[in-house]
C-alpha atoms as a PDB file:
ATOM      1  CA  UNK A   1      -4.033  -5.901  83.943  1.00  0.00           C
ATOM      2  CA  UNK A   2      -3.053  -3.361  86.535  1.00  0.00           C
ATOM      3  CA  UNK A   3      -4.919  -3.231  89.859  1.00  0.00           C
ATOM      4  CA  UNK A   4      -5.119   0.544  89.333  1.00  0.00           C
ATOM      5  CA  UNK A   5      -7.187   0.170  86.167  1.00  0.00           C
ATOM      6  CA  UNK A   6     -10.877  -0.678  86.377  1.00  0.00           C
ATOM      7  CA  UNK A   7     -12.164  -3.816  84.734  1.00  0.00           C
ATOM      8  CA  UNK A   8     -13.398  -2.906  81.273  1.00  0.00           C
ATOM      9  CA  UNK A   9     -10.580  -0.418  80.641  1.00  0.00           C
ATOM     10  CA  UNK A  10      -9.772  -1.038  76.980  1.00  0.00           C
ATOM     11  CA  UNK A  11      -7.960   0.316  73.957  1.00  0.00           C
ATOM     12  CA  UNK A  12      -9.885  -0.095  70.746  1.00  0.00           C
ATOM     13  CA  UNK A  13     -13.239  -1.314  72.089  1.00  0.00           C
ATOM     14  CA  UNK A  14     -15.256   1.436  70.382  1.00  0.00           C
ATOM     15  CA  UNK A  15     -12.987   1.737  67.349  1.00  0.00           C
ATOM     16  CA  UNK A  16     -10.927  -1.460  66.964  1.00  0.00           C
ATOM     17  CA  UNK A  17      -7.398  -1.267  65.616  1.00  0.00           C
ATOM     18  CA  UNK A  18      -7.383  -2.388  61.984  1.00  0.00           C
ATOM     19  CA  UNK A  19      -4.160  -4.180  61.069  1.00  0.00           C
ATOM     20  CA  UNK A  20      -3.324  -4.654  57.372  1.00  0.00           C
ATOM     21  CA  UNK A  21      -0.419  -7.077  57.558  1.00  0.00           C
ATOM     22  CA  UNK A  22       2.092  -7.283  54.703  1.00  0.00           C
ATOM     23  CA  UNK A  23       4.769  -9.963  54.380  1.00  0.00           C
ATOM     24  CA  UNK A  24       8.306  -8.812  55.101  1.00  0.00           C
ATOM     25  CA  UNK A  25       9.725 -11.350  52.658  1.00  0.00           C
ATOM     26  CA  UNK A  26       9.252 -14.900  51.450  1.00  0.00           C
ATOM     27  CA  UNK A  27       8.451 -17.795  53.759  1.00  0.00           C
ATOM     28  CA  UNK A  28      11.418 -19.907  54.845  1.00  0.00           C
ATOM     29  CA  UNK A  29      11.317 -23.685  55.141  1.00  0.00           C
ATOM     30  CA  UNK A  30      13.039 -24.604  58.400  1.00  0.00           C
ATOM     31  CA  UNK A  31      12.403 -28.357  58.165  1.00  0.00           C
ATOM     32  CA  UNK A  32      10.607 -30.767  55.853  1.00  0.00           C
ATOM     33  CA  UNK A  33      10.140 -33.564  58.399  1.00  0.00           C
ATOM     34  CA  UNK A  34       8.197 -32.357  60.267  1.00  0.00           C
ATOM     35  CA  UNK A  35       7.201 -29.523  57.950  1.00  0.00           C
ATOM     36  CA  UNK A  36       8.111 -26.240  59.634  1.00  0.00           C
ATOM     37  CA  UNK A  37       7.798 -22.824  57.980  1.00  0.00           C
ATOM     38  CA  UNK A  38       8.727 -19.354  59.243  1.00  0.00           C
ATOM     39  CA  UNK A  39       7.526 -15.962  57.986  1.00  0.00           C
ATOM     40  CA  UNK A  40       7.416 -12.335  59.081  1.00  0.00           C
ATOM     41  CA  UNK A  41       4.812  -9.648  58.493  1.00  0.00           C
ATOM     42  CA  UNK A  42       4.313  -6.015  59.458  1.00  0.00           C
ATOM     43  CA  UNK A  43       1.908  -3.090  59.376  1.00  0.00           C
ATOM     44  CA  UNK A  44       3.352   0.399  59.468  1.00  0.00           C
ATOM     45  CA  UNK A  45       0.141   2.309  58.788  1.00  0.00           C
ATOM     46  CA  UNK A  46      -2.297   1.571  61.619  1.00  0.00           C
ATOM     47  CA  UNK A  47      -3.781   4.135  64.001  1.00  0.00           C
ATOM     48  CA  UNK A  48      -4.459   3.426  67.681  1.00  0.00           C
ATOM     49  CA  UNK A  49      -7.455   4.932  69.521  1.00  0.00           C
ATOM     50  CA  UNK A  50      -7.445   6.294  73.066  1.00  0.00           C
ATOM     51  CA  UNK A  51      -8.128   4.141  76.117  1.00  0.00           C
ATOM     52  CA  UNK A  52     -11.791   3.965  77.137  1.00  0.00           C
ATOM     53  CA  UNK A  53     -13.657   3.264  80.387  1.00  0.00           C
ATOM     54  CA  UNK A  54     -10.502   3.721  82.473  1.00  0.00           C
ATOM     55  CA  UNK A  55     -11.859   6.252  84.941  1.00  0.00           C
ATOM     56  CA  UNK A  56      -9.403   8.827  86.266  1.00  0.00           C
ATOM     57  CA  UNK A  57      -6.473   6.766  84.935  1.00  0.00           C
ATOM     58  CA  UNK A  58      -7.527   7.362  81.293  1.00  0.00           C
ATOM     59  CA  UNK A  59      -5.501  10.583  80.950  1.00  0.00           C
ATOM     60  CA  UNK A  60      -2.245   9.251  82.443  1.00  0.00           C
ATOM     61  CA  UNK A  61      -2.633   5.972  80.533  1.00  0.00           C
ATOM     62  CA  UNK A  62      -3.181   7.738  77.204  1.00  0.00           C
ATOM     63  CA  UNK A  63      -0.188  10.025  77.833  1.00  0.00           C
ATOM     64  CA  UNK A  64       2.044   7.076  78.811  1.00  0.00           C
ATOM     65  CA  UNK A  65       1.076   5.067  75.708  1.00  0.00           C
ATOM     66  CA  UNK A  66       0.906   8.041  73.334  1.00  0.00           C
ATOM     67  CA  UNK A  67      -2.783   7.541  72.620  1.00  0.00           C
ATOM     68  CA  UNK A  68      -4.639   8.277  70.504  1.00  0.00           C
ATOM     69  CA  UNK A  69      -1.931   7.701  67.909  1.00  0.00           C
ATOM     70  CA  UNK A  70      -2.432   8.712  64.272  1.00  0.00           C
ATOM     71  CA  UNK A  71      -1.624   6.338  61.427  1.00  0.00           C
ATOM     72  CA  UNK A  72       2.009   5.472  60.911  1.00  0.00           C
ATOM     73  CA  UNK A  73       2.614   3.113  63.853  1.00  0.00           C
ATOM     74  CA  UNK A  74       4.636  -0.070  63.376  1.00  0.00           C
ATOM     75  CA  UNK A  75       3.716  -3.593  64.455  1.00  0.00           C
ATOM     76  CA  UNK A  76       5.780  -6.623  63.447  1.00  0.00           C
ATOM     77  CA  UNK A  77       4.816 -10.282  63.603  1.00  0.00           C
ATOM     78  CA  UNK A  78       7.101 -13.305  63.360  1.00  0.00           C
ATOM     79  CA  UNK A  79       5.519 -16.737  63.090  1.00  0.00           C
ATOM     80  CA  UNK A  80       6.646 -20.329  62.800  1.00  0.00           C
ATOM     81  CA  UNK A  81       4.087 -22.993  61.987  1.00  0.00           C
ATOM     82  CA  UNK A  82       3.829 -26.667  61.220  1.00  0.00           C
ATOM     83  CA  UNK A  83       1.153 -28.792  59.604  1.00  0.00           C
ATOM     84  CA  UNK A  84       0.320 -32.322  58.557  1.00  0.00           C
ATOM     85  CA  UNK A  85       0.529 -33.324  54.947  1.00  0.00           C
ATOM     86  CA  UNK A  86      -2.332 -35.302  53.387  1.00  0.00           C
ATOM     87  CA  UNK A  87      -0.411 -38.576  53.592  1.00  0.00           C
ATOM     88  CA  UNK A  88      -0.096 -38.079  57.385  1.00  0.00           C
ATOM     89  CA  UNK A  89      -3.829 -37.631  58.019  1.00  0.00           C
ATOM     90  CA  UNK A  90      -5.772 -40.557  59.465  1.00  0.00           C
ATOM     91  CA  UNK A  91      -7.932 -42.571  57.076  1.00  0.00           C
ATOM     92  CA  UNK A  92     -11.688 -42.124  57.439  1.00  0.00           C
END
C-alpha cells in the first residue's frame, strides 16, 4: 500500500476479477516421501476493472496499470504442495 493512496483504494471491489485457471500441463511428482507435487496453471482471458475509491490518484493509477483492461490478460500460477497419506494420519 502506498502512502499516497487512500485506504479503501481497490481494484476489483465493485466488479471482482474472475480467473478461470487452466492447467499448463500435467502435475509432476517431485518426491514420494514426503509426497510433494508441482503444477502450473494460467488464465489468458481475464479482464481487469479500473481502480476505485482512490481519490485524485485514480487517474494516474489506472494509466500506470493500464486499467481498465479488456479480456486477454495473462496470469500464471506455479504451485508446489504436500499432503499426508491416510496411513500417516493419527488414529481416532
